[in-house]
C-alpha atoms as a PDB file:
ATOM      1  CA  MET A   1      10.052  -7.127   2.564  1.00  0.00           C
ATOM      2  CA  LYS A   2       7.634  -6.965  -0.394  1.00  0.00           C
ATOM      3  CA  LEU A   3       4.191  -5.798  -1.405  1.00  0.00           C
ATOM      4  CA  ILE A   4       1.536  -7.915  -0.958  1.00  0.00           C
ATOM      5  CA  ARG A   5      -2.201  -8.586  -2.146  1.00  0.00           C
ATOM      6  CA  ASP A   6      -4.299  -8.321   0.634  1.00  0.00           C
ATOM      7  CA  LYS A   7      -6.158 -11.310   0.174  1.00  0.00           C
ATOM      8  CA  LYS A   8      -3.338 -13.558  -0.068  1.00  0.00           C
ATOM      9  CA  LEU A   9      -2.749 -12.983   3.616  1.00  0.00           C
ATOM     10  CA  SER A  10      -6.283 -14.697   4.328  1.00  0.00           C
ATOM     11  CA  SER A  11      -4.565 -18.269   2.620  1.00  0.00           C
ATOM     12  CA  MET A  12      -1.897 -18.294   4.569  1.00  0.00           C
ATOM     13  CA  VAL A  13      -0.977 -22.224   5.859  1.00  0.00           C
ATOM     14  CA  PRO A  14      -1.210 -23.139   9.808  1.00  0.00           C
ATOM     15  CA  GLY A  15       2.311 -23.091  10.515  1.00  0.00           C
ATOM     16  CA  GLU A  16       3.484 -20.513   7.959  1.00  0.00           C
ATOM     17  CA  SER A  17       5.040 -17.488   9.686  1.00  0.00           C
ATOM     18  CA  TYR A  18       5.283 -14.021   8.037  1.00  0.00           C
ATOM     19  CA  SER A  19       6.578 -10.501   9.451  1.00  0.00           C
ATOM     20  CA  ILE A  20       3.806  -8.131   8.143  1.00  0.00           C
ATOM     21  CA  LYS A  21       4.166  -4.347   8.617  1.00  0.00           C
ATOM     22  CA  LYS A  22       1.149  -2.061   7.639  1.00  0.00           C
ATOM     23  CA  ILE A  23       2.659   0.717   5.410  1.00  0.00           C
ATOM     24  CA  THR A  24       1.840   4.143   4.144  1.00  0.00           C
ATOM     25  CA  LYS A  25       0.614   5.569   0.793  1.00  0.00           C
ATOM     26  CA  ALA A  26       3.960   6.951   0.371  1.00  0.00           C
ATOM     27  CA  GLU A  27       5.640   3.776   0.988  1.00  0.00           C
ATOM     28  CA  PHE A  28       3.391   2.284  -1.022  1.00  0.00           C
ATOM     29  CA  ILE A  29       4.390   4.145  -4.089  1.00  0.00           C
ATOM     30  CA  LEU A  30       8.307   3.500  -2.849  1.00  0.00           C
ATOM     31  CA  TYR A  31       7.839  -0.061  -2.627  1.00  0.00           C
ATOM     32  CA  VAL A  32       6.075  -0.085  -6.545  1.00  0.00           C
ATOM     33  CA  LYS A  33       9.135   1.972  -7.688  1.00  0.00           C
ATOM     34  CA  LYS A  34      11.393  -0.728  -6.433  1.00  0.00           C
ATOM     35  CA  GLU A  35       9.813  -3.647  -7.186  1.00  0.00           C
ATOM     36  CA  LEU A  36       8.394  -2.775 -10.978  1.00  0.00           C
ATOM     37  CA  PRO A  37      12.205  -3.554 -12.426  1.00  0.00           C
ATOM     38  CA  ASN A  38      12.081  -7.199 -10.862  1.00  0.00           C
ATOM     39  CA  LEU A  39       8.788  -7.827 -11.804  1.00  0.00           C
ATOM     40  CA  PHE A  40       8.643  -6.740 -15.176  1.00  0.00           C
ATOM     41  CA  ALA A  41      12.033  -8.779 -15.976  1.00  0.00           C
ATOM     42  CA  GLU A  42      10.305 -11.610 -14.671  1.00  0.00           C
ATOM     43  CA  ALA A  43       7.494 -11.126 -16.421  1.00  0.00           C
ATOM     44  CA  VAL A  44       9.435 -10.824 -19.606  1.00  0.00           C
ATOM     45  CA  THR A  45      11.793 -13.390 -19.259  1.00  0.00           C
ATOM     46  CA  GLN A  46       8.940 -15.986 -18.008  1.00  0.00           C
ATOM     47  CA  LYS A  47       6.508 -14.636 -20.553  1.00  0.00           C
ATOM     48  CA  ASN A  48       4.135 -14.808 -17.548  1.00  0.00           C
ATOM     49  CA  HIS A  49       0.429 -13.346 -17.882  1.00  0.00           C
ATOM     50  CA  GLU A  50      -0.089 -13.292 -13.937  1.00  0.00           C
ATOM     51  CA  LYS A  51       3.141 -11.141 -13.290  1.00  0.00           C
ATOM     52  CA  PHE A  52       1.690  -8.836 -16.404  1.00  0.00           C
ATOM     53  CA  ALA A  53      -1.501  -8.505 -14.135  1.00  0.00           C
ATOM     54  CA  ASP A  54       0.436  -7.217 -10.774  1.00  0.00           C
ATOM     55  CA  ILE A  55       2.009  -4.834 -12.812  1.00  0.00           C
ATOM     56  CA  LEU A  56      -1.197  -3.567 -13.986  1.00  0.00           C
ATOM     57  CA  GLU A  57      -2.637  -3.686 -10.586  1.00  0.00           C
ATOM     58  CA  MET A  58       0.150  -2.175  -8.750  1.00  0.00           C
ATOM     59  CA  ILE A  59       0.187   0.600 -11.465  1.00  0.00           C
ATOM     60  CA  ASN A  60      -3.639   0.842 -10.759  1.00  0.00           C
ATOM     61  CA  ASN A  61      -3.334   1.214  -7.034  1.00  0.00           C
ATOM     62  CA  THR A  62      -1.092   3.645  -7.295  1.00  0.00           C
ATOM     63  CA  CYS A  63      -3.628   5.665  -9.406  1.00  0.00           C
ATOM     64  CA  GLU A  64      -5.889   5.387  -6.387  1.00  0.00           C
ATOM     65  CA  ILE A  65      -3.088   6.332  -3.762  1.00  0.00           C
ATOM     66  CA  LEU A  66      -2.886   9.679  -6.318  1.00  0.00           C
ATOM     67  CA  ASN A  67      -6.234  10.094  -6.405  1.00  0.00           C
ATOM     68  CA  MET A  68      -6.101   9.155 -10.232  1.00  0.00           C
ATOM     69  CA  ASP A  69      -8.782   7.628 -12.048  1.00  0.00           C
ATOM     70  CA  TRP A  70      -7.253   4.409 -13.625  1.00  0.00           C
ATOM     71  CA  HIS A  71      -9.651   3.968 -16.437  1.00  0.00           C
ATOM     72  CA  GLU A  72      -9.186   7.682 -17.861  1.00  0.00           C
ATOM     73  CA  CYS A  73      -5.329   6.185 -18.367  1.00  0.00           C
ATOM     74  CA  SER A  74      -6.737   3.238 -19.396  1.00  0.00           C
ATOM     75  CA  ARG A  75      -8.639   5.665 -21.958  1.00  0.00           C
ATOM     76  CA  LEU A  76      -6.063   7.686 -22.769  1.00  0.00           C
ATOM     77  CA  LYS A  77      -3.708   5.257 -23.615  1.00  0.00           C
ATOM     78  CA  SER A  78      -5.838   4.257 -26.068  1.00  0.00           C
ATOM     79  CA  SER A  79      -6.705   7.716 -27.567  1.00  0.00           C
ATOM     80  CA  LYS A  80      -2.923   8.242 -27.871  1.00  0.00           C
ATOM     81  CA  ARG A  81      -1.992   4.518 -29.272  1.00  0.00           C
ATOM     82  CA  TYR A  82      -4.965   5.780 -32.005  1.00  0.00           C
ATOM     83  CA  GLU A  83      -3.359   9.391 -32.165  1.00  0.00           C
ATOM     84  CA  SER A  84       0.633   8.770 -32.143  1.00  0.00           C
ATOM     85  CA  GLY A  85       0.452   5.173 -32.396  1.00  0.00           C
ATOM     86  CA  LYS A  86       2.099   2.184 -30.596  1.00  0.00           C
ATOM     87  CA  TYR A  87       5.322   2.100 -28.670  1.00  0.00           C
ATOM     88  CA  ASP A  88       7.599   0.085 -31.149  1.00  0.00           C
ATOM     89  CA  CYS A  89      10.877  -1.864 -31.292  1.00  0.00           C
ATOM     90  CA  MET A  90      12.701   2.137 -31.848  1.00  0.00           C
ATOM     91  CA  VAL A  91      14.316   4.882 -30.508  1.00  0.00           C
ATOM     92  CA  VAL A  92      14.977   8.571 -31.139  1.00  0.00           C
ATOM     93  CA  THR A  93      17.412  10.940 -30.478  1.00  0.00           C
ATOM     94  CA  LYS A  94      17.380  14.417 -31.712  1.00  0.00           C
ATOM     95  CA  LEU A  95      20.397  15.398 -33.597  1.00  0.00           C
ATOM     96  CA  ASN A  96      21.538  19.160 -33.549  1.00  0.00           C
ATOM     97  CA  LEU A  97      22.598  19.642 -37.221  1.00  0.00           C
ATOM     98  CA  PRO A  98      24.108  23.210 -38.347  1.00  0.00           C
ATOM     99  CA  ASP A  99      21.884  25.207 -40.592  1.00  0.00           C
END
């Protein structure tokens, strides 16, 4: 099973058959955790705007479940980018150098 947008169910074509299960908020978060890596890989490989939008929607819904303000997260993202910069093509490891 995988997550589906609620309005997708209303666009089912006659004759199509699906098994639908209502899940808890905790289960939703677990499904998001499971589906994000694959969805991210598809979005990157296909350079697909819709898949990136799906990722953002899943994160937005997770924020709602956790009673976190999505707009505050977005504001913080912008603020951190301005203050600390963006994530670029770099990684770092702190070295423990002797004195």
